[in-house]
C-alpha atoms as a PDB file:
ATOM      1  CA  UNK A   1       3.020 -20.338  -5.107  1.00  0.00           C
ATOM      2  CA  UNK A   2       3.983 -18.879  -1.738  1.00  0.00           C
ATOM      3  CA  UNK A   3       7.705 -18.514  -1.059  1.00  0.00           C
ATOM      4  CA  UNK A   4       8.913 -18.016   2.510  1.00  0.00           C
ATOM      5  CA  UNK A   5      12.345 -17.655   4.061  1.00  0.00           C
ATOM      6  CA  UNK A   6      13.089 -19.555   7.242  1.00  0.00           C
ATOM      7  CA  UNK A   7      15.778 -20.383   9.766  1.00  0.00           C
ATOM      8  CA  UNK A   8      16.491 -23.959  10.788  1.00  0.00           C
ATOM      9  CA  UNK A   9      19.423 -25.027  12.965  1.00  0.00           C
ATOM     10  CA  UNK A  10      21.081 -21.651  12.507  1.00  0.00           C
ATOM     11  CA  UNK A  11      20.907 -21.726   8.703  1.00  0.00           C
ATOM     12  CA  UNK A  12      18.592 -19.787   6.378  1.00  0.00           C
ATOM     13  CA  UNK A  13      16.667 -21.167   3.406  1.00  0.00           C
ATOM     14  CA  UNK A  14      13.836 -20.301   1.077  1.00  0.00           C
ATOM     15  CA  UNK A  15      10.981 -22.723   0.755  1.00  0.00           C
ATOM     16  CA  UNK A  16       7.480 -23.180  -0.615  1.00  0.00           C
ATOM     17  CA  UNK A  17       4.670 -22.894   1.913  1.00  0.00           C
ATOM     18  CA  UNK A  18       2.057 -25.628   1.756  1.00  0.00           C
ATOM     19  CA  UNK A  19      -0.403 -25.317   4.625  1.00  0.00           C
ATOM     20  CA  UNK A  20       1.459 -25.952   7.871  1.00  0.00           C
ATOM     21  CA  UNK A  21       4.540 -27.286   6.100  1.00  0.00           C
ATOM     22  CA  UNK A  22       7.355 -25.916   3.984  1.00  0.00           C
ATOM     23  CA  UNK A  23       9.436 -27.561   1.239  1.00  0.00           C
ATOM     24  CA  UNK A  24      13.005 -26.333   0.874  1.00  0.00           C
ATOM     25  CA  UNK A  25      14.128 -24.604  -2.303  1.00  0.00           C
ATOM     26  CA  UNK A  26      17.565 -25.544  -3.610  1.00  0.00           C
ATOM     27  CA  UNK A  27      19.097 -22.805  -5.718  1.00  0.00           C
ATOM     28  CA  UNK A  28      18.152 -19.148  -6.019  1.00  0.00           C
ATOM     29  CA  UNK A  29      14.579 -17.909  -6.087  1.00  0.00           C
ATOM     30  CA  UNK A  30      15.882 -15.261  -8.517  1.00  0.00           C
ATOM     31  CA  UNK A  31      17.341 -17.848 -10.881  1.00  0.00           C
ATOM     32  CA  UNK A  32      17.292 -21.605 -11.303  1.00  0.00           C
ATOM     33  CA  UNK A  33      16.036 -23.739  -8.434  1.00  0.00           C
ATOM     34  CA  UNK A  34      14.233 -26.937  -7.556  1.00  0.00           C
ATOM     35  CA  UNK A  35      11.716 -27.679  -4.823  1.00  0.00           C
ATOM     36  CA  UNK A  36      12.660 -30.596  -2.610  1.00  0.00           C
ATOM     37  CA  UNK A  37      10.135 -33.312  -1.860  1.00  0.00           C
ATOM     38  CA  UNK A  38      10.528 -33.437   1.923  1.00  0.00           C
ATOM     39  CA  UNK A  39       7.951 -31.459   3.886  1.00  0.00           C
ATOM     40  CA  UNK A  40       9.076 -29.702   7.070  1.00  0.00           C
ATOM     41  CA  UNK A  41       6.630 -28.684   9.792  1.00  0.00           C
ATOM     42  CA  UNK A  42       6.435 -24.943  10.413  1.00  0.00           C
ATOM     43  CA  UNK A  43       6.709 -25.763  14.110  1.00  0.00           C
ATOM     44  CA  UNK A  44      10.314 -26.827  13.481  1.00  0.00           C
ATOM     45  CA  UNK A  45      11.432 -23.615  11.768  1.00  0.00           C
ATOM     46  CA  UNK A  46      11.307 -19.844  12.283  1.00  0.00           C
ATOM     47  CA  UNK A  47       9.909 -17.731   9.478  1.00  0.00           C
ATOM     48  CA  UNK A  48      11.918 -14.585   8.723  1.00  0.00           C
ATOM     49  CA  UNK A  49      11.407 -11.660   6.367  1.00  0.00           C
ATOM     50  CA  UNK A  50      10.982 -13.363   2.969  1.00  0.00           C
ATOM     51  CA  UNK A  51      13.722 -11.281   1.348  1.00  0.00           C
ATOM     52  CA  UNK A  52      16.714  -9.137   2.329  1.00  0.00           C
ATOM     53  CA  UNK A  53      16.303  -6.177  -0.033  1.00  0.00           C
ATOM     54  CA  UNK A  54      19.258  -4.287  -1.393  1.00  0.00           C
ATOM     55  CA  UNK A  55      17.062  -1.211  -1.370  1.00  0.00           C
ATOM     56  CA  UNK A  56      13.525  -0.273  -0.397  1.00  0.00           C
ATOM     57  CA  UNK A  57      11.707   2.257  -2.547  1.00  0.00           C
ATOM     58  CA  UNK A  58       8.534   3.704  -1.078  1.00  0.00           C
ATOM     59  CA  UNK A  59       5.584   5.368  -2.772  1.00  0.00           C
ATOM     60  CA  UNK A  60       3.777   8.109  -0.876  1.00  0.00           C
ATOM     61  CA  UNK A  61       0.097   9.079  -1.093  1.00  0.00           C
ATOM     62  CA  UNK A  62      -1.050   6.339  -3.471  1.00  0.00           C
ATOM     63  CA  UNK A  63      -4.648   5.659  -2.329  1.00  0.00           C
ATOM     64  CA  UNK A  64      -7.463   8.018  -3.269  1.00  0.00           C
ATOM     65  CA  UNK A  65      -9.283   7.770   0.062  1.00  0.00           C
ATOM     66  CA  UNK A  66      -6.062   8.261   2.031  1.00  0.00           C
ATOM     67  CA  UNK A  67      -5.386  11.443   0.049  1.00  0.00           C
ATOM     68  CA  UNK A  68      -8.875  12.609   1.017  1.00  0.00           C
ATOM     69  CA  UNK A  69      -8.213  11.613   4.634  1.00  0.00           C
ATOM     70  CA  UNK A  70      -5.136  13.861   4.859  1.00  0.00           C
ATOM     71  CA  UNK A  71      -6.717  16.576   2.682  1.00  0.00           C
ATOM     72  CA  UNK A  72      -4.075  16.470  -0.044  1.00  0.00           C
ATOM     73  CA  UNK A  73      -4.407  16.702  -3.825  1.00  0.00           C
ATOM     74  CA  UNK A  74      -3.841  13.538  -5.864  1.00  0.00           C
ATOM     75  CA  UNK A  75      -0.251  13.421  -7.135  1.00  0.00           C
ATOM     76  CA  UNK A  76       0.362  13.682 -10.863  1.00  0.00           C
ATOM     77  CA  UNK A  77       3.094  11.036 -10.722  1.00  0.00           C
ATOM     78  CA  UNK A  78       4.289   8.576  -8.049  1.00  0.00           C
ATOM     79  CA  UNK A  79       6.009  10.194  -5.063  1.00  0.00           C
ATOM     80  CA  UNK A  80       9.292   8.332  -4.446  1.00  0.00           C
ATOM     81  CA  UNK A  81      11.536   8.140  -1.413  1.00  0.00           C
ATOM     82  CA  UNK A  82      14.036   5.623  -0.057  1.00  0.00           C
ATOM     83  CA  UNK A  83      13.928   3.711   3.217  1.00  0.00           C
ATOM     84  CA  UNK A  84      16.865   1.886   4.788  1.00  0.00           C
ATOM     85  CA  UNK A  85      16.769  -1.919   4.341  1.00  0.00           C
ATOM     86  CA  UNK A  86      18.249  -2.198   7.856  1.00  0.00           C
ATOM     87  CA  UNK A  87      14.722  -1.451   9.122  1.00  0.00           C
ATOM     88  CA  UNK A  88      13.420  -4.830   7.900  1.00  0.00           C
ATOM     89  CA  UNK A  89      12.164  -7.491  10.292  1.00  0.00           C
ATOM     90  CA  UNK A  90      10.012 -10.565   9.754  1.00  0.00           C
ATOM     91  CA  UNK A  91       6.749 -12.034  11.024  1.00  0.00           C
ATOM     92  CA  UNK A  92       6.386 -12.410  14.801  1.00  0.00           C
ATOM     93  CA  UNK A  93       9.395 -10.150  15.418  1.00  0.00           C
ATOM     94  CA  UNK A  94       9.085  -7.109  17.674  1.00  0.00           C
ATOM     95  CA  UNK A  95       8.654  -3.509  16.565  1.00  0.00           C
ATOM     96  CA  UNK A  96      10.658  -1.344  18.985  1.00  0.00           C
ATOM     97  CA  UNK A  97       9.519   2.269  19.126  1.00  0.00           C
ATOM     98  CA  UNK A  98      12.616   4.445  18.781  1.00  0.00           C
ATOM     99  CA  UNK A  99      10.932   7.428  20.452  1.00  0.00           C
ATOM    100  CA  UNK A 100       7.899   6.202  22.434  1.00  0.00           C
ATOM    101  CA  UNK A 101       6.836   9.798  23.099  1.00  0.00           C
ATOM    102  CA  UNK A 102       6.518  10.555  19.382  1.00  0.00           C
ATOM    103  CA  UNK A 103       3.256   9.868  17.529  1.00  0.00           C
ATOM    104  CA  UNK A 104       4.082   6.719  15.549  1.00  0.00           C
ATOM    105  CA  UNK A 105       1.603   5.059  13.211  1.00  0.00           C
ATOM    106  CA  UNK A 106       1.009   1.846  11.256  1.00  0.00           C
ATOM    107  CA  UNK A 107       0.672   1.798   7.474  1.00  0.00           C
ATOM    108  CA  UNK A 108      -0.379  -1.506   5.943  1.00  0.00           C
ATOM    109  CA  UNK A 109       0.893  -1.856   2.370  1.00  0.00           C
ATOM    110  CA  UNK A 110       1.321  -4.374  -0.414  1.00  0.00           C
ATOM    111  CA  UNK A 111       5.013  -4.704  -1.255  1.00  0.00           C
ATOM    112  CA  UNK A 112       6.448  -5.605  -4.658  1.00  0.00           C
ATOM    113  CA  UNK A 113       9.448  -7.950  -4.730  1.00  0.00           C
ATOM    114  CA  UNK A 114      11.546  -7.466  -7.874  1.00  0.00           C
ATOM    115  CA  UNK A 115      12.597 -10.704  -9.570  1.00  0.00           C
ATOM    116  CA  UNK A 116      15.149  -9.561 -12.134  1.00  0.00           C
ATOM    117  CA  UNK A 117      17.137  -6.499 -13.109  1.00  0.00           C
ATOM    118  CA  UNK A 118      14.918  -3.776 -14.535  1.00  0.00           C
ATOM    119  CA  UNK A 119      15.886  -0.436 -16.053  1.00  0.00           C
ATOM    120  CA  UNK A 120      13.715   1.901 -18.134  1.00  0.00           C
ATOM    121  CA  UNK A 121      11.001  -0.693 -18.737  1.00  0.00           C
ATOM    122  CA  UNK A 122       7.437  -0.023 -19.837  1.00  0.00           C
ATOM    123  CA  UNK A 123       4.325  -0.580 -17.739  1.00  0.00           C
ATOM    124  CA  UNK A 124       3.229  -3.226 -20.242  1.00  0.00           C
ATOM    125  CA  UNK A 125       6.296  -5.377 -19.548  1.00  0.00           C
ATOM    126  CA  UNK A 126       6.697  -4.541 -15.843  1.00  0.00           C
ATOM    127  CA  UNK A 127       4.867  -7.578 -14.448  1.00  0.00           C
ATOM    128  CA  UNK A 128       7.462  -9.914 -15.988  1.00  0.00           C
ATOM    129  CA  UNK A 129      10.109  -8.284 -13.762  1.00  0.00           C
ATOM    130  CA  UNK A 130       8.158  -8.959 -10.550  1.00  0.00           C
ATOM    131  CA  UNK A 131       8.802 -12.103  -8.513  1.00  0.00           C
ATOM    132  CA  UNK A 132       5.755 -11.589  -6.316  1.00  0.00           C
ATOM    133  CA  UNK A 133       4.161  -9.648  -3.483  1.00  0.00           C
ATOM    134  CA  UNK A 134       4.315  -9.568   0.294  1.00  0.00           C
ATOM    135  CA  UNK A 135       2.846  -7.614   3.232  1.00  0.00           C
ATOM    136  CA  UNK A 136       4.539  -4.584   4.741  1.00  0.00           C
ATOM    137  CA  UNK A 137       3.878  -2.447   7.794  1.00  0.00           C
ATOM    138  CA  UNK A 138       5.412   0.938   6.977  1.00  0.00           C
ATOM    139  CA  UNK A 139       5.826   2.129  10.590  1.00  0.00           C
ATOM    140  CA  UNK A 140       6.211   5.921  10.598  1.00  0.00           C
ATOM    141  CA  UNK A 141       7.290   8.518  13.163  1.00  0.00           C
ATOM    142  CA  UNK A 142       4.966  11.439  12.382  1.00  0.00           C
ATOM    143  CA  UNK A 143       6.803  14.012  14.502  1.00  0.00           C
ATOM    144  CA  UNK A 144      10.059  13.489  12.610  1.00  0.00           C
ATOM    145  CA  UNK A 145       8.226  13.259   9.307  1.00  0.00           C
ATOM    146  CA  UNK A 146       6.783  16.733   9.873  1.00  0.00           C
ATOM    147  CA  UNK A 147      10.032  18.104  11.308  1.00  0.00           C
ATOM    148  CA  UNK A 148      12.205  16.870   8.438  1.00  0.00           C
ATOM    149  CA  UNK A 149       9.747  17.691   5.675  1.00  0.00           C
ATOM    150  CA  UNK A 150      10.546  14.299   4.105  1.00  0.00           C
ATOM    151  CA  UNK A 151      10.154  10.670   5.066  1.00  0.00           C
ATOM    152  CA  UNK A 152      13.436   8.752   5.169  1.00  0.00           C
ATOM    153  CA  UNK A 153      14.478   9.238   8.805  1.00  0.00           C
ATOM    154  CA  UNK A 154      10.940   8.829  10.140  1.00  0.00           C
ATOM    155  CA  UNK A 155      10.569   5.424   8.485  1.00  0.00           C
ATOM    156  CA  UNK A 156      14.091   3.935   8.650  1.00  0.00           C
ATOM    157  CA  UNK A 157      14.609   3.076  12.316  1.00  0.00           C
ATOM    158  CA  UNK A 158      15.467  -0.541  13.107  1.00  0.00           C
ATOM    159  CA  UNK A 159      12.334  -2.768  13.126  1.00  0.00           C
ATOM    160  CA  UNK A 160      10.171  -0.132  11.362  1.00  0.00           C
ATOM    161  CA  UNK A 161       9.670  -2.222   8.195  1.00  0.00           C
ATOM    162  CA  UNK A 162       8.133  -5.625   8.955  1.00  0.00           C
ATOM    163  CA  UNK A 163       7.803  -7.793   5.828  1.00  0.00           C
ATOM    164  CA  UNK A 164       6.138 -11.170   5.346  1.00  0.00           C
ATOM    165  CA  UNK A 165       5.002 -13.781   5.957  1.00  0.00           C
ATOM    166  CA  UNK A 166       5.733 -14.914   2.378  1.00  0.00           C
ATOM    167  CA  UNK A 167       6.009 -13.846  -1.255  1.00  0.00           C
ATOM    168  CA  UNK A 168       2.910 -14.717  -3.266  1.00  0.00           C
ATOM    169  CA  UNK A 169       3.847 -15.232  -6.912  1.00  0.00           C
ATOM    170  CA  UNK A 170       0.313 -15.754  -8.275  1.00  0.00           C
ATOM    171  CA  UNK A 171      -1.633 -12.657  -7.314  1.00  0.00           C
ATOM    172  CA  UNK A 172      -3.633  -9.943  -9.043  1.00  0.00           C
ATOM    173  CA  UNK A 173      -2.177  -6.890  -7.285  1.00  0.00           C
ATOM    174  CA  UNK A 174      -4.791  -4.554  -8.757  1.00  0.00           C
ATOM    175  CA  UNK A 175      -7.804  -6.240  -7.098  1.00  0.00           C
ATOM    176  CA  UNK A 176      -6.578  -7.346  -3.680  1.00  0.00           C
ATOM    177  CA  UNK A 177      -8.149  -6.738  -0.281  1.00  0.00           C
ATOM    178  CA  UNK A 178      -5.977  -5.213   2.441  1.00  0.00           C
ATOM    179  CA  UNK A 179      -6.828  -4.930   6.143  1.00  0.00           C
ATOM    180  CA  UNK A 180      -4.948  -3.814   9.247  1.00  0.00           C
ATOM    181  CA  UNK A 181      -5.977  -4.728  12.778  1.00  0.00           C
ATOM    182  CA  UNK A 182      -4.530  -3.422  16.026  1.00  0.00           C
ATOM    183  CA  UNK A 183      -5.424  -5.530  19.067  1.00  0.00           C
ATOM    184  CA  UNK A 184      -8.196  -7.138  17.012  1.00  0.00           C
ATOM    185  CA  UNK A 185      -9.777  -3.819  16.007  1.00  0.00           C
ATOM    186  CA  UNK A 186      -9.943  -3.057  12.278  1.00  0.00           C
ATOM    187  CA  UNK A 187      -8.092   0.189  11.550  1.00  0.00           C
ATOM    188  CA  UNK A 188      -7.588   0.003   7.784  1.00  0.00           C
ATOM    189  CA  UNK A 189      -9.770  -1.845   5.296  1.00  0.00           C
ATOM    190  CA  UNK A 190      -9.502  -1.253   1.583  1.00  0.00           C
ATOM    191  CA  UNK A 191      -8.600  -2.754  -1.771  1.00  0.00           C
ATOM    192  CA  UNK A 192      -5.667  -2.101  -4.066  1.00  0.00           C
ATOM    193  CA  UNK A 193      -8.218  -1.024  -6.676  1.00  0.00           C
ATOM    194  CA  UNK A 194      -8.231   2.323  -4.793  1.00  0.00           C
ATOM    195  CA  UNK A 195      -4.589   2.888  -5.774  1.00  0.00           C
ATOM    196  CA  UNK A 196      -3.859   6.018  -7.790  1.00  0.00           C
ATOM    197  CA  UNK A 197      -0.954   4.325  -9.614  1.00  0.00           C
ATOM    198  CA  UNK A 198      -1.068   0.603 -10.351  1.00  0.00           C
ATOM    199  CA  UNK A 199       1.723  -1.846  -9.594  1.00  0.00           C
ATOM    200  CA  UNK A 200       2.893  -1.960 -13.204  1.00  0.00           C
ATOM    201  CA  UNK A 201       2.872   1.830 -13.469  1.00  0.00           C
ATOM    202  CA  UNK A 202       4.910   2.051 -10.265  1.00  0.00           C
ATOM    203  CA  UNK A 203       7.518  -0.523 -11.340  1.00  0.00           C
ATOM    204  CA  UNK A 204       7.948   1.198 -14.692  1.00  0.00           C
ATOM    205  CA  UNK A 205       8.208   4.650 -13.126  1.00  0.00           C
ATOM    206  CA  UNK A 206      10.785   3.569 -10.545  1.00  0.00           C
ATOM    207  CA  UNK A 207      12.839   1.749 -13.192  1.00  0.00           C
ATOM    208  CA  UNK A 208      13.231   5.053 -15.052  1.00  0.00           C
ATOM    209  CA  UNK A 209      14.553   6.695 -11.864  1.00  0.00           C
ATOM    210  CA  UNK A 210      16.965   3.934 -10.817  1.00  0.00           C
ATOM    211  CA  UNK A 211      17.997   0.434 -11.830  1.00  0.00           C
ATOM    212  CA  UNK A 212      16.064  -2.215  -9.939  1.00  0.00           C
ATOM    213  CA  UNK A 213      17.858  -5.383  -8.830  1.00  0.00           C
ATOM    214  CA  UNK A 214      16.544  -8.835  -7.844  1.00  0.00           C
ATOM    215  CA  UNK A 215      15.314  -8.724  -4.264  1.00  0.00           C
ATOM    216  CA  UNK A 216      14.619  -4.991  -4.216  1.00  0.00           C
ATOM    217  CA  UNK A 217      11.305  -4.097  -2.591  1.00  0.00           C
ATOM    218  CA  UNK A 218       8.851  -1.365  -3.564  1.00  0.00           C
ATOM    219  CA  UNK A 219       6.211  -0.510  -0.965  1.00  0.00           C
ATOM    220  CA  UNK A 220       3.216   0.963  -2.700  1.00  0.00           C
ATOM    221  CA  UNK A 221       1.483   3.324  -0.285  1.00  0.00           C
ATOM    222  CA  UNK A 222      -1.189   2.842   2.347  1.00  0.00           C
ATOM    223  CA  UNK A 223      -4.981   3.138   2.333  1.00  0.00           C
ATOM    224  CA  UNK A 224      -7.052   5.332   4.643  1.00  0.00           C
ATOM    225  CA  UNK A 225      -7.234   4.611   8.381  1.00  0.00           C
ATOM    226  CA  UNK A 226      -3.626   4.971   9.568  1.00  0.00           C
ATOM    227  CA  UNK A 227      -3.464   5.195  13.343  1.00  0.00           C
ATOM    228  CA  UNK A 228      -1.241   5.305  16.423  1.00  0.00           C
ATOM    229  CA  UNK A 229       0.879   2.521  17.885  1.00  0.00           C
ATOM    230  CA  UNK A 230       1.875   2.101  21.512  1.00  0.00           C
ATOM    231  CA  UNK A 231       3.690  -0.364  23.745  1.00  0.00           C
ATOM    232  CA  UNK A 232       1.933  -3.726  23.866  1.00  0.00           C
ATOM    233  CA  UNK A 233      -0.061  -3.351  20.644  1.00  0.00           C
ATOM    234  CA  UNK A 234      -0.450  -6.363  18.358  1.00  0.00           C
ATOM    235  CA  UNK A 235      -0.534  -5.300  14.708  1.00  0.00           C
ATOM    236  CA  UNK A 236      -1.840  -7.552  11.933  1.00  0.00           C
ATOM    237  CA  UNK A 237      -1.469  -6.646   8.257  1.00  0.00           C
ATOM    238  CA  UNK A 238      -3.617  -8.955   6.124  1.00  0.00           C
ATOM    239  CA  UNK A 239      -3.484  -9.016   2.329  1.00  0.00           C
ATOM    240  CA  UNK A 240      -5.737 -11.339   0.375  1.00  0.00           C
ATOM    241  CA  UNK A 241      -3.778 -14.102  -1.314  1.00  0.00           C
ATOM    242  CA  UNK A 242      -0.653 -13.517   0.781  1.00  0.00           C
ATOM    243  CA  UNK A 243      -1.595 -13.946   4.442  1.00  0.00           C
ATOM    244  CA  UNK A 244      -1.165 -12.080   7.715  1.00  0.00           C
ATOM    245  CA  UNK A 245       1.935 -10.298   8.975  1.00  0.00           C
ATOM    246  CA  UNK A 246       1.776 -10.079  12.792  1.00  0.00           C
ATOM    247  CA  UNK A 247       4.096  -8.077  15.052  1.00  0.00           C
ATOM    248  CA  UNK A 248       4.032  -6.864  18.632  1.00  0.00           C
ATOM    249  CA  UNK A 249       4.978  -3.275  19.488  1.00  0.00           C
ATOM    250  CA  UNK A 250       7.380  -2.617  22.350  1.00  0.00           C
ATOM    251  CA  UNK A 251       9.026   0.529  23.695  1.00  0.00           C
END
């Protein structure tokens, strides 16, 4: 199932995507709900980020080939940092470069959407705490990242965390193709099988560092091929089984 969030007549709803239509969900996607029969054309609604996370937890350096690309040793455990949820935007929304003169890059990532409260859980049970997965573009200001020696400021500016277009609930996150295009040119092409730490390992590890709540998002690191963004670029993050997250870059 693919769950999207949309705006219609000034109100926001979740719904189930079915081709070029969506069926409204009544109730909470994190609890009890029913799927209404009526199908609504996507032309009559505006898709938004599929979730408004209470917090975003990011994992750094989690693809083997990306670690090689930046000439860094493989981490012994997941590298955690927090990103502001106020950076989130949805599909088709604009990425506004905070400092156009700074080198700023795309990072296509698979994002985990937490479905229920999780604290100190094992990797073996972690998948039962996951609602599903969506696409993320972890836009990053490299100048500030190097200056600060950590990642939060460089990745938390408004519009720097596009999410979408939907949450896929039936997906094998350990064998999923991921591809990023900028202006039609492939920049990143990989598979989540190149991850150093799997999705279940990540969810378990994070749950031992902090309590996870429904709607929280964990972004899981990016594969090799990160590259610069500039005014006018069209960025597409494609993940097999989820879809394509498209955003234009403006300065």
